[in-house]
Amino acid sequence: MPRFLKAHRGGIVLAALLIGQLTVLSIQVPLGDEPSYFEKAVFFVLAPLEHAFHGLFEAAGRLWSRYVYLRTVEGQNQQMRDELFHLRQENLLLRNEIGRLKDVRELEGFLAGVHSSFVVASVIGVDAANVYRSIVIDRGSRDGLKANMAVIDRAGNLIGRIVNPVAAREATIQLITDDNCAVNVRSSESRVLGQLTGDAKNGRCLLRYILATEERLAEGEELITTGYDRIFPPGLKAGRVTSIAKDNSLFRKIEVKPYLDFRDLGRVAVLTAPTGGRP
């Protein structure tokens, strides 16, 4: 630093401060009705910033309002979705109940003119090893069910019989397609007598003990129960003959398509006190 400046540094600083103070005072001096230069400078610097901050706050406010609105709408939509779900479930349950009542009324209406006493039941299970052997229903000894009571579907077709053990609330039905099931039947037209047994492997039935010399029986004939076995009441439809063949044995090989339909086996009726005579 030059010697002159070092020697007069204090004075120079003081002079600079006085000049700066005078400058500040001069720009603050009002120019009549007009703002001072300082006010103008501050306005030109701060006005754009104020405008920008104002726009920013307005945008933030709109964004927040929209967020709150969307959250409210989303909550309302979720509530409506929940209500719609519950309404659909209620509708489904009501439709199922109406269908169930319709099935029960149809079954009871059919049975009212044929059998004096019966119990309507729902199927709740099937044989895990082979569905053509047995099913389980939701009625049992508390409802008066016992072994060897005949069971029919809602159309009155024979599907099987109650077998032991019989629980208080459940019972097992041996289907006519079970290998160990045997029903005394006759053909509707030719009145040929035979024994209907199950073929669980193929889900069908076989008509046994028809002699090879028997020529009256024809394909398409309907088979109905005779009541001779003292288990199945007479007059129940069991199935229809589908094929008749000869082999080297004394008897014909006759296949039968049972009326038992697993697609329509939600409701069944157990005949607790059948009436009527032999056909």
C-alpha atoms as a PDB file:
ATOM      1  CA  MET A   1       0.000   0.000   0.000  1.00  0.00           C
ATOM      2  CA  PRO A   2       1.381   3.488  -0.878  1.00  0.00           C
ATOM      3  CA  ARG A   3       2.725   5.502   1.994  1.00  0.00           C
ATOM      4  CA  PHE A   4       0.211   8.249   1.360  1.00  0.00           C
ATOM      5  CA  LEU A   5      -2.726   5.910   1.724  1.00  0.00           C
ATOM      6  CA  LYS A   6      -1.280   4.380   4.848  1.00  0.00           C
ATOM      7  CA  ALA A   7      -0.755   7.757   6.397  1.00  0.00           C
ATOM      8  CA  HIS A   8      -4.278   8.996   5.544  1.00  0.00           C
ATOM      9  CA  ARG A   9      -6.191   5.729   5.790  1.00  0.00           C
ATOM     10  CA  GLY A  10      -8.408   6.923   8.586  1.00  0.00           C
ATOM     11  CA  GLY A  11      -9.346  10.070   6.757  1.00  0.00           C
ATOM     12  CA  ILE A  12     -10.065   8.217   3.554  1.00  0.00           C
ATOM     13  CA  VAL A  13     -12.379   5.756   5.332  1.00  0.00           C
ATOM     14  CA  LEU A  14     -14.191   8.609   7.059  1.00  0.00           C
ATOM     15  CA  ALA A  15     -14.657  10.388   3.766  1.00  0.00           C
ATOM     16  CA  ALA A  16     -16.011   7.258   2.114  1.00  0.00           C
ATOM     17  CA  LEU A  17     -18.506   6.798   4.916  1.00  0.00           C
ATOM     18  CA  LEU A  18     -19.667  10.418   4.647  1.00  0.00           C
ATOM     19  CA  ILE A  19     -20.087  10.114   0.888  1.00  0.00           C
ATOM     20  CA  GLY A  20     -22.074   6.838   1.266  1.00  0.00           C
ATOM     21  CA  GLN A  21     -24.280   8.426   3.929  1.00  0.00           C
ATOM     22  CA  LEU A  22     -24.973  11.439   1.764  1.00  0.00           C
ATOM     23  CA  THR A  23     -25.814   9.148  -1.163  1.00  0.00           C
ATOM     24  CA  VAL A  24     -28.311   7.168   0.901  1.00  0.00           C
ATOM     25  CA  LEU A  25     -29.875  10.344   2.228  1.00  0.00           C
ATOM     26  CA  SER A  26     -30.124  11.799  -1.225  1.00  0.00           C
ATOM     27  CA  ILE A  27     -31.942   8.818  -2.723  1.00  0.00           C
ATOM     28  CA  GLN A  28     -34.370   8.848   0.201  1.00  0.00           C
ATOM     29  CA  VAL A  29     -35.266  12.470  -0.263  1.00  0.00           C
ATOM     30  CA  PRO A  30     -38.848  12.660  -1.632  1.00  0.00           C
ATOM     31  CA  LEU A  31     -39.221  14.009  -5.107  1.00  0.00           C
ATOM     32  CA  GLY A  32     -42.401  15.929  -4.512  1.00  0.00           C
ATOM     33  CA  ASP A  33     -45.333  13.523  -4.780  1.00  0.00           C
ATOM     34  CA  GLU A  34     -43.204  10.898  -6.424  1.00  0.00           C
ATOM     35  CA  PRO A  35     -41.484   8.103  -4.496  1.00  0.00           C
ATOM     36  CA  SER A  36     -37.829   8.425  -3.694  1.00  0.00           C
ATOM     37  CA  TYR A  37     -35.156   6.720  -5.722  1.00  0.00           C
ATOM     38  CA  PHE A  38     -34.641   4.258  -2.904  1.00  0.00           C
ATOM     39  CA  GLU A  39     -38.309   3.346  -2.804  1.00  0.00           C
ATOM     40  CA  LYS A  40     -38.281   2.910  -6.552  1.00  0.00           C
ATOM     41  CA  ALA A  41     -35.249   0.672  -6.372  1.00  0.00           C
ATOM     42  CA  VAL A  42     -36.788  -1.427  -3.612  1.00  0.00           C
ATOM     43  CA  PHE A  43     -40.065  -1.679  -5.538  1.00  0.00           C
ATOM     44  CA  PHE A  44     -38.377  -2.815  -8.756  1.00  0.00           C
ATOM     45  CA  VAL A  45     -36.382  -5.425  -6.847  1.00  0.00           C
ATOM     46  CA  LEU A  46     -39.107  -6.752  -4.541  1.00  0.00           C
ATOM     47  CA  ALA A  47     -42.198  -6.484  -6.779  1.00  0.00           C
ATOM     48  CA  PRO A  48     -41.250  -9.423  -9.047  1.00  0.00           C
ATOM     49  CA  LEU A  49     -40.357 -11.472  -5.995  1.00  0.00           C
ATOM     50  CA  GLU A  50     -43.680 -10.639  -4.359  1.00  0.00           C
ATOM     51  CA  HIS A  51     -45.520 -11.563  -7.554  1.00  0.00           C
ATOM     52  CA  ALA A  52     -43.660 -14.831  -7.779  1.00  0.00           C
ATOM     53  CA  PHE A  53     -44.333 -15.710  -4.136  1.00  0.00           C
ATOM     54  CA  HIS A  54     -47.996 -14.809  -4.532  1.00  0.00           C
ATOM     55  CA  GLY A  55     -48.334 -17.107  -7.563  1.00  0.00           C
ATOM     56  CA  LEU A  56     -46.468 -19.844  -5.718  1.00  0.00           C
ATOM     57  CA  PHE A  57     -48.771 -19.640  -2.704  1.00  0.00           C
ATOM     58  CA  GLU A  58     -51.849 -19.621  -4.944  1.00  0.00           C
ATOM     59  CA  ALA A  59     -50.611 -22.706  -6.809  1.00  0.00           C
ATOM     60  CA  ALA A  60     -49.828 -24.439  -3.509  1.00  0.00           C
ATOM     61  CA  GLY A  61     -53.310 -23.588  -2.258  1.00  0.00           C
ATOM     62  CA  ARG A  62     -54.945 -24.952  -5.393  1.00  0.00           C
ATOM     63  CA  LEU A  63     -52.807 -28.081  -5.196  1.00  0.00           C
ATOM     64  CA  TRP A  64     -53.750 -28.656  -1.575  1.00  0.00           C
ATOM     65  CA  SER A  65     -57.430 -28.067  -2.288  1.00  0.00           C
ATOM     66  CA  ARG A  66     -57.300 -30.516  -5.164  1.00  0.00           C
ATOM     67  CA  TYR A  67     -55.469 -33.055  -2.997  1.00  0.00           C
ATOM     68  CA  VAL A  68     -58.074 -32.749  -0.261  1.00  0.00           C
ATOM     69  CA  TYR A  69     -60.844 -33.000  -2.869  1.00  0.00           C
ATOM     70  CA  LEU A  70     -59.307 -36.099  -4.456  1.00  0.00           C
ATOM     71  CA  ARG A  71     -58.852 -37.727  -1.061  1.00  0.00           C
ATOM     72  CA  THR A  72     -62.499 -37.019  -0.279  1.00  0.00           C
ATOM     73  CA  VAL A  73     -63.619 -38.385  -3.642  1.00  0.00           C
ATOM     74  CA  GLU A  74     -61.418 -41.458  -3.210  1.00  0.00           C
ATOM     75  CA  GLY A  75     -62.925 -42.064   0.210  1.00  0.00           C
ATOM     76  CA  GLN A  76     -66.422 -41.749  -1.217  1.00  0.00           C
ATOM     77  CA  ASN A  77     -65.534 -44.078  -4.104  1.00  0.00           C
ATOM     78  CA  GLN A  78     -64.130 -46.656  -1.690  1.00  0.00           C
ATOM     79  CA  GLN A  79     -67.273 -46.427   0.399  1.00  0.00           C
ATOM     80  CA  MET A  80     -69.407 -46.895  -2.716  1.00  0.00           C
ATOM     81  CA  ARG A  81     -67.274 -49.871  -3.795  1.00  0.00           C
ATOM     82  CA  ASP A  82     -67.724 -51.444  -0.355  1.00  0.00           C
ATOM     83  CA  GLU A  83     -71.465 -50.857  -0.453  1.00  0.00           C
ATOM     84  CA  LEU A  84     -71.644 -52.295  -3.988  1.00  0.00           C
ATOM     85  CA  PHE A  85     -69.700 -55.377  -2.869  1.00  0.00           C
ATOM     86  CA  HIS A  86     -72.059 -55.918   0.072  1.00  0.00           C
ATOM     87  CA  LEU A  87     -75.099 -55.384  -2.141  1.00  0.00           C
ATOM     88  CA  ARG A  88     -73.797 -57.922  -4.642  1.00  0.00           C
ATOM     89  CA  GLN A  89     -73.162 -60.430  -1.870  1.00  0.00           C
ATOM     90  CA  GLU A  90     -76.617 -59.870  -0.440  1.00  0.00           C
ATOM     91  CA  ASN A  91     -78.126 -60.228  -3.902  1.00  0.00           C
ATOM     92  CA  LEU A  92     -76.230 -63.473  -4.476  1.00  0.00           C
ATOM     93  CA  LEU A  93     -77.304 -64.844  -1.095  1.00  0.00           C
ATOM     94  CA  LEU A  94     -80.918 -63.857  -1.747  1.00  0.00           C
ATOM     95  CA  ARG A  95     -80.861 -65.467  -5.195  1.00  0.00           C
ATOM     96  CA  ASN A  96     -79.373 -68.646  -3.740  1.00  0.00           C
ATOM     97  CA  GLU A  97     -81.980 -68.657  -1.001  1.00  0.00           C
ATOM     98  CA  ILE A  98     -84.775 -68.114  -3.522  1.00  0.00           C
ATOM     99  CA  GLY A  99     -83.391 -70.973  -5.629  1.00  0.00           C
ATOM    100  CA  ARG A 100     -83.157 -73.184  -2.563  1.00  0.00           C
ATOM    101  CA  LEU A 101     -86.730 -72.419  -1.527  1.00  0.00           C
ATOM    102  CA  LYS A 102     -87.897 -73.043  -5.092  1.00  0.00           C
ATOM    103  CA  ASP A 103     -86.171 -76.429  -5.132  1.00  0.00           C
ATOM    104  CA  VAL A 104     -87.649 -77.323  -1.759  1.00  0.00           C
ATOM    105  CA  ARG A 105     -91.161 -76.249  -2.810  1.00  0.00           C
ATOM    106  CA  GLU A 106     -90.916 -78.235  -6.048  1.00  0.00           C
ATOM    107  CA  LEU A 107     -89.675 -81.300  -4.204  1.00  0.00           C
ATOM    108  CA  GLU A 108     -92.251 -81.010  -1.449  1.00  0.00           C
ATOM    109  CA  GLY A 109     -95.005 -80.384  -3.991  1.00  0.00           C
ATOM    110  CA  PHE A 110     -94.080 -83.529  -5.881  1.00  0.00           C
ATOM    111  CA  LEU A 111     -93.805 -85.667  -2.772  1.00  0.00           C
ATOM    112  CA  ALA A 112     -96.975 -84.399  -1.130  1.00  0.00           C
ATOM    113  CA  GLY A 113     -99.117 -86.458  -3.491  1.00  0.00           C
ATOM    114  CA  VAL A 114     -96.912 -89.563  -3.481  1.00  0.00           C
ATOM    115  CA  HIS A 115     -95.441 -90.151  -0.030  1.00  0.00           C
ATOM    116  CA  SER A 116     -96.903 -89.450   3.365  1.00  0.00           C
ATOM    117  CA  SER A 117     -93.661 -88.559   5.115  1.00  0.00           C
ATOM    118  CA  PHE A 118     -90.288 -87.326   3.900  1.00  0.00           C
ATOM    119  CA  VAL A 119     -87.345 -85.182   4.949  1.00  0.00           C
ATOM    120  CA  VAL A 120     -85.728 -82.696   2.569  1.00  0.00           C
ATOM    121  CA  ALA A 121     -81.936 -82.458   2.925  1.00  0.00           C
ATOM    122  CA  SER A 122     -78.972 -80.703   1.332  1.00  0.00           C
ATOM    123  CA  VAL A 123     -75.919 -82.507  -0.021  1.00  0.00           C
ATOM    124  CA  ILE A 124     -72.818 -81.411   1.920  1.00  0.00           C
ATOM    125  CA  GLY A 125     -70.188 -83.923   0.785  1.00  0.00           C
ATOM    126  CA  VAL A 126     -69.227 -86.716  -1.624  1.00  0.00           C
ATOM    127  CA  ASP A 127     -67.071 -89.810  -1.418  1.00  0.00           C
ATOM    128  CA  ALA A 128     -63.483 -88.596  -1.847  1.00  0.00           C
ATOM    129  CA  ALA A 129     -62.379 -91.883  -3.432  1.00  0.00           C
ATOM    130  CA  ASN A 130     -65.250 -92.172  -5.933  1.00  0.00           C
ATOM    131  CA  VAL A 131     -68.115 -89.703  -6.317  1.00  0.00           C
ATOM    132  CA  TYR A 132     -70.343 -92.446  -7.745  1.00  0.00           C
ATOM    133  CA  ARG A 133     -70.360 -94.407  -4.476  1.00  0.00           C
ATOM    134  CA  SER A 134     -71.891 -92.146  -1.829  1.00  0.00           C
ATOM    135  CA  ILE A 135     -72.820 -88.633  -0.745  1.00  0.00           C
ATOM    136  CA  VAL A 136     -73.402 -86.999   2.655  1.00  0.00           C
ATOM    137  CA  ILE A 137     -76.469 -84.948   3.604  1.00  0.00           C
ATOM    138  CA  ASP A 138     -77.133 -82.473   6.416  1.00  0.00           C
ATOM    139  CA  ARG A 139     -79.890 -84.501   8.112  1.00  0.00           C
ATOM    140  CA  GLY A 140     -79.552 -87.401  10.519  1.00  0.00           C
ATOM    141  CA  SER A 141     -81.102 -89.331  13.375  1.00  0.00           C
ATOM    142  CA  ARG A 142     -82.419 -86.136  14.957  1.00  0.00           C
ATOM    143  CA  ASP A 143     -84.650 -85.806  11.894  1.00  0.00           C
ATOM    144  CA  GLY A 144     -85.846 -89.395  12.101  1.00  0.00           C
ATOM    145  CA  LEU A 145     -83.509 -90.840   9.471  1.00  0.00           C
ATOM    146  CA  LYS A 146     -82.544 -94.516   9.667  1.00  0.00           C
ATOM    147  CA  ALA A 147     -80.617 -96.978   7.576  1.00  0.00           C
ATOM    148  CA  ASN A 148     -82.301 -98.373   4.419  1.00  0.00           C
ATOM    149  CA  MET A 149     -84.570 -95.375   3.878  1.00  0.00           C
ATOM    150  CA  ALA A 150     -84.875 -94.639   0.147  1.00  0.00           C
ATOM    151  CA  VAL A 151     -83.643 -91.296  -1.224  1.00  0.00           C
ATOM    152  CA  ILE A 152     -84.872 -89.512  -4.349  1.00  0.00           C
ATOM    153  CA  ASP A 153     -84.047 -86.299  -6.202  1.00  0.00           C
ATOM    154  CA  ARG A 154     -86.442 -83.392  -6.705  1.00  0.00           C
ATOM    155  CA  ALA A 155     -87.870 -85.028  -9.838  1.00  0.00           C
ATOM    156  CA  GLY A 156     -88.731 -88.198  -7.917  1.00  0.00           C
ATOM    157  CA  ASN A 157     -85.953 -90.314  -9.420  1.00  0.00           C
ATOM    158  CA  LEU A 158     -84.263 -92.896  -7.229  1.00  0.00           C
ATOM    159  CA  ILE A 159     -80.704 -92.013  -6.228  1.00  0.00           C
ATOM    160  CA  GLY A 160     -79.973 -94.414  -3.360  1.00  0.00           C
ATOM    161  CA  ARG A 161     -80.589 -95.299   0.278  1.00  0.00           C
ATOM    162  CA  ILE A 162     -79.434 -94.293   3.764  1.00  0.00           C
ATOM    163  CA  VAL A 163     -76.678 -96.544   5.166  1.00  0.00           C
ATOM    164  CA  ASN A 164     -75.058 -96.879   8.585  1.00  0.00           C
ATOM    165  CA  PRO A 165     -73.658 -95.160  10.492  1.00  0.00           C
ATOM    166  CA  VAL A 166     -76.248 -92.378  10.841  1.00  0.00           C
ATOM    167  CA  ALA A 167     -75.120 -89.379  12.914  1.00  0.00           C
ATOM    168  CA  ALA A 168     -77.369 -86.921  14.707  1.00  0.00           C
ATOM    169  CA  ARG A 169     -76.972 -84.220  12.056  1.00  0.00           C
ATOM    170  CA  GLU A 170     -75.521 -86.086   9.054  1.00  0.00           C
ATOM    171  CA  ALA A 171     -76.182 -89.260   7.114  1.00  0.00           C
ATOM    172  CA  THR A 172     -74.552 -91.136   4.243  1.00  0.00           C
ATOM    173  CA  ILE A 173     -76.436 -92.079   1.089  1.00  0.00           C
ATOM    174  CA  GLN A 174     -75.295 -95.116  -0.860  1.00  0.00           C
ATOM    175  CA  LEU A 175     -75.896 -94.253  -4.515  1.00  0.00           C
ATOM    176  CA  ILE A 176     -77.408 -96.693  -6.985  1.00  0.00           C
ATOM    177  CA  THR A 177     -74.169 -96.402  -8.972  1.00  0.00           C
ATOM    178  CA  ASP A 178     -72.224 -97.992  -6.091  1.00  0.00           C
ATOM    179  CA  ASP A 179     -70.966-101.521  -6.836  1.00  0.00           C
ATOM    180  CA  ASN A 180     -72.528-102.853  -3.620  1.00  0.00           C
ATOM    181  CA  CYS A 181     -75.967-101.369  -4.227  1.00  0.00           C
ATOM    182  CA  ALA A 182     -78.786-103.644  -5.491  1.00  0.00           C
ATOM    183  CA  VAL A 183     -82.346-102.623  -6.391  1.00  0.00           C
ATOM    184  CA  ASN A 184     -85.174-104.841  -7.592  1.00  0.00           C
ATOM    185  CA  VAL A 185     -86.606-103.287 -10.763  1.00  0.00           C
ATOM    186  CA  ARG A 186     -88.774-104.101 -13.746  1.00  0.00           C
ATOM    187  CA  SER A 187     -88.902-102.662 -17.247  1.00  0.00           C
ATOM    188  CA  SER A 188     -91.760-100.289 -17.943  1.00  0.00           C
ATOM    189  CA  GLU A 189     -93.031-101.908 -21.154  1.00  0.00           C
ATOM    190  CA  SER A 190     -92.007-105.543 -21.227  1.00  0.00           C
ATOM    191  CA  ARG A 191     -92.208-105.829 -17.412  1.00  0.00           C
ATOM    192  CA  VAL A 192     -89.045-107.912 -17.294  1.00  0.00           C
ATOM    193  CA  LEU A 193     -87.765-108.296 -13.711  1.00  0.00           C
ATOM    194  CA  GLY A 194     -84.117-107.945 -12.751  1.00  0.00           C
ATOM    195  CA  GLN A 195     -81.679-106.529 -10.257  1.00  0.00           C
ATOM    196  CA  LEU A 196     -80.113-103.122 -10.826  1.00  0.00           C
ATOM    197  CA  THR A 197     -76.554-102.852  -9.520  1.00  0.00           C
ATOM    198  CA  GLY A 198     -73.958-100.117  -9.674  1.00  0.00           C
ATOM    199  CA  ASP A 199     -70.859 -99.752 -11.816  1.00  0.00           C
ATOM    200  CA  ALA A 200     -68.971 -97.046  -9.904  1.00  0.00           C
ATOM    201  CA  LYS A 201     -65.948 -97.264 -12.178  1.00  0.00           C
ATOM    202  CA  ASN A 202     -67.964 -95.948 -15.112  1.00  0.00           C
ATOM    203  CA  GLY A 203     -70.673 -94.052 -13.215  1.00  0.00           C
ATOM    204  CA  ARG A 204     -73.490 -96.185 -14.604  1.00  0.00           C
ATOM    205  CA  CYS A 205     -75.651 -99.180 -13.642  1.00  0.00           C
ATOM    206  CA  LEU A 206     -76.041-102.744 -14.839  1.00  0.00           C
ATOM    207  CA  LEU A 207     -79.210-104.827 -15.057  1.00  0.00           C
ATOM    208  CA  ARG A 208     -78.369-108.340 -13.913  1.00  0.00           C
ATOM    209  CA  TYR A 209     -79.953-111.789 -13.954  1.00  0.00           C
ATOM    210  CA  ILE A 210     -81.760-111.357 -17.256  1.00  0.00           C
ATOM    211  CA  LEU A 211     -81.553-114.704 -19.021  1.00  0.00           C
ATOM    212  CA  ALA A 212     -79.887-114.865 -22.414  1.00  0.00           C
ATOM    213  CA  THR A 213     -83.077-116.329 -23.793  1.00  0.00           C
ATOM    214  CA  GLU A 214     -85.092-113.269 -22.762  1.00  0.00           C
ATOM    215  CA  GLU A 215     -86.128-111.427 -25.940  1.00  0.00           C
ATOM    216  CA  ARG A 216     -88.793-109.039 -24.666  1.00  0.00           C
ATOM    217  CA  LEU A 217     -86.519-106.398 -23.148  1.00  0.00           C
ATOM    218  CA  ALA A 218     -85.517-103.606 -25.569  1.00  0.00           C
ATOM    219  CA  GLU A 219     -83.102-100.719 -25.483  1.00  0.00           C
ATOM    220  CA  GLY A 220     -84.634 -97.458 -24.317  1.00  0.00           C
ATOM    221  CA  GLU A 221     -87.005 -99.057 -21.819  1.00  0.00           C
ATOM    222  CA  GLU A 222     -87.357 -97.349 -18.460  1.00  0.00           C
ATOM    223  CA  LEU A 223     -86.648 -99.223 -15.239  1.00  0.00           C
ATOM    224  CA  ILE A 224     -88.742 -98.648 -12.119  1.00  0.00           C
ATOM    225  CA  THR A 225     -88.569-100.131  -8.626  1.00  0.00           C
ATOM    226  CA  THR A 226     -90.792-103.090  -7.690  1.00  0.00           C
ATOM    227  CA  GLY A 227     -90.670-102.848  -3.890  1.00  0.00           C
ATOM    228  CA  TYR A 228     -89.860-106.549  -3.621  1.00  0.00           C
ATOM    229  CA  ASP A 229     -86.588-105.855  -1.790  1.00  0.00           C
ATOM    230  CA  ARG A 230     -88.547-104.134   1.049  1.00  0.00           C
ATOM    231  CA  ILE A 231     -86.110-101.227   0.939  1.00  0.00           C
ATOM    232  CA  PHE A 232     -87.077 -99.166  -2.076  1.00  0.00           C
ATOM    233  CA  PRO A 233     -90.785 -98.391  -2.460  1.00  0.00           C
ATOM    234  CA  PRO A 234     -92.427 -99.383  -5.736  1.00  0.00           C
ATOM    235  CA  GLY A 235     -92.862 -97.036  -8.648  1.00  0.00           C
ATOM    236  CA  LEU A 236     -89.637 -95.017  -8.385  1.00  0.00           C
ATOM    237  CA  LYS A 237     -87.851 -94.321 -11.673  1.00  0.00           C
ATOM    238  CA  ALA A 238     -84.258 -95.567 -11.652  1.00  0.00           C
ATOM    239  CA  GLY A 239     -82.878 -95.312 -15.185  1.00  0.00           C
ATOM    240  CA  ARG A 240     -83.115 -96.344 -18.817  1.00  0.00           C
ATOM    241  CA  VAL A 241     -81.631 -99.305 -20.717  1.00  0.00           C
ATOM    242  CA  THR A 242     -78.885 -98.149 -23.089  1.00  0.00           C
ATOM    243  CA  SER A 243     -77.445-101.380 -24.469  1.00  0.00           C
ATOM    244  CA  ILE A 244     -78.158-105.121 -24.489  1.00  0.00           C
ATOM    245  CA  ALA A 245     -75.454-107.601 -25.402  1.00  0.00           C
ATOM    246  CA  LYS A 246     -74.929-111.353 -25.386  1.00  0.00           C
ATOM    247  CA  ASP A 247     -71.893-113.236 -24.166  1.00  0.00           C
ATOM    248  CA  ASN A 248     -71.073-116.854 -23.326  1.00  0.00           C
ATOM    249  CA  SER A 249     -72.824-116.726 -19.946  1.00  0.00           C
ATOM    250  CA  LEU A 250     -76.413-117.585 -19.049  1.00  0.00           C
ATOM    251  CA  PHE A 251     -77.339-113.928 -18.720  1.00  0.00           C
ATOM    252  CA  ARG A 252     -77.369-110.897 -20.959  1.00  0.00           C
ATOM    253  CA  LYS A 253     -75.039-107.959 -20.397  1.00  0.00           C
ATOM    254  CA  ILE A 254     -77.292-104.938 -20.019  1.00  0.00           C
ATOM    255  CA  GLU A 255     -76.085-101.401 -19.378  1.00  0.00           C
ATOM    256  CA  VAL A 256     -78.329 -98.774 -17.813  1.00  0.00           C
ATOM    257  CA  LYS A 257     -78.010 -95.018 -17.675  1.00  0.00           C
ATOM    258  CA  PRO A 258     -79.296 -93.956 -14.236  1.00  0.00           C
ATOM    259  CA  TYR A 259     -81.456 -90.874 -13.843  1.00  0.00           C
ATOM    260  CA  LEU A 260     -79.117 -89.798 -11.066  1.00  0.00           C
ATOM    261  CA  ASP A 261     -77.691 -86.425 -12.167  1.00  0.00           C
ATOM    262  CA  PHE A 262     -74.812 -85.047 -10.112  1.00  0.00           C
ATOM    263  CA  ARG A 263     -75.250 -81.603 -11.674  1.00  0.00           C
ATOM    264  CA  ASP A 264     -78.676 -81.290 -10.074  1.00  0.00           C
ATOM    265  CA  LEU A 265     -78.097 -82.968  -6.752  1.00  0.00           C
ATOM    266  CA  GLY A 266     -78.148 -80.023  -4.350  1.00  0.00           C
ATOM    267  CA  ARG A 267     -81.407 -81.125  -2.692  1.00  0.00           C
ATOM    268  CA  VAL A 268     -82.677 -84.625  -2.026  1.00  0.00           C
ATOM    269  CA  ALA A 269     -85.608 -86.160  -0.157  1.00  0.00           C
ATOM    270  CA  VAL A 270     -85.447 -89.093   2.230  1.00  0.00           C
ATOM    271  CA  LEU A 271     -88.635 -91.160   2.223  1.00  0.00           C
ATOM    272  CA  THR A 272     -89.272 -91.876   5.899  1.00  0.00           C
ATOM    273  CA  ALA A 273     -92.697 -93.495   5.469  1.00  0.00           C
ATOM    274  CA  PRO A 274     -93.475 -94.378   1.848  1.00  0.00           C
ATOM    275  CA  THR A 275     -96.981 -95.340   0.832  1.00  0.00           C
ATOM    276  CA  GLY A 276     -98.539 -97.075  -2.127  1.00  0.00           C
ATOM    277  CA  GLY A 277     -98.756-100.620  -3.413  1.00  0.00           C
ATOM    278  CA  ARG A 278     -96.740-102.582  -5.892  1.00  0.00           C
ATOM    279  CA  PRO A 279     -97.224-101.679  -9.535  1.00  0.00           C
END
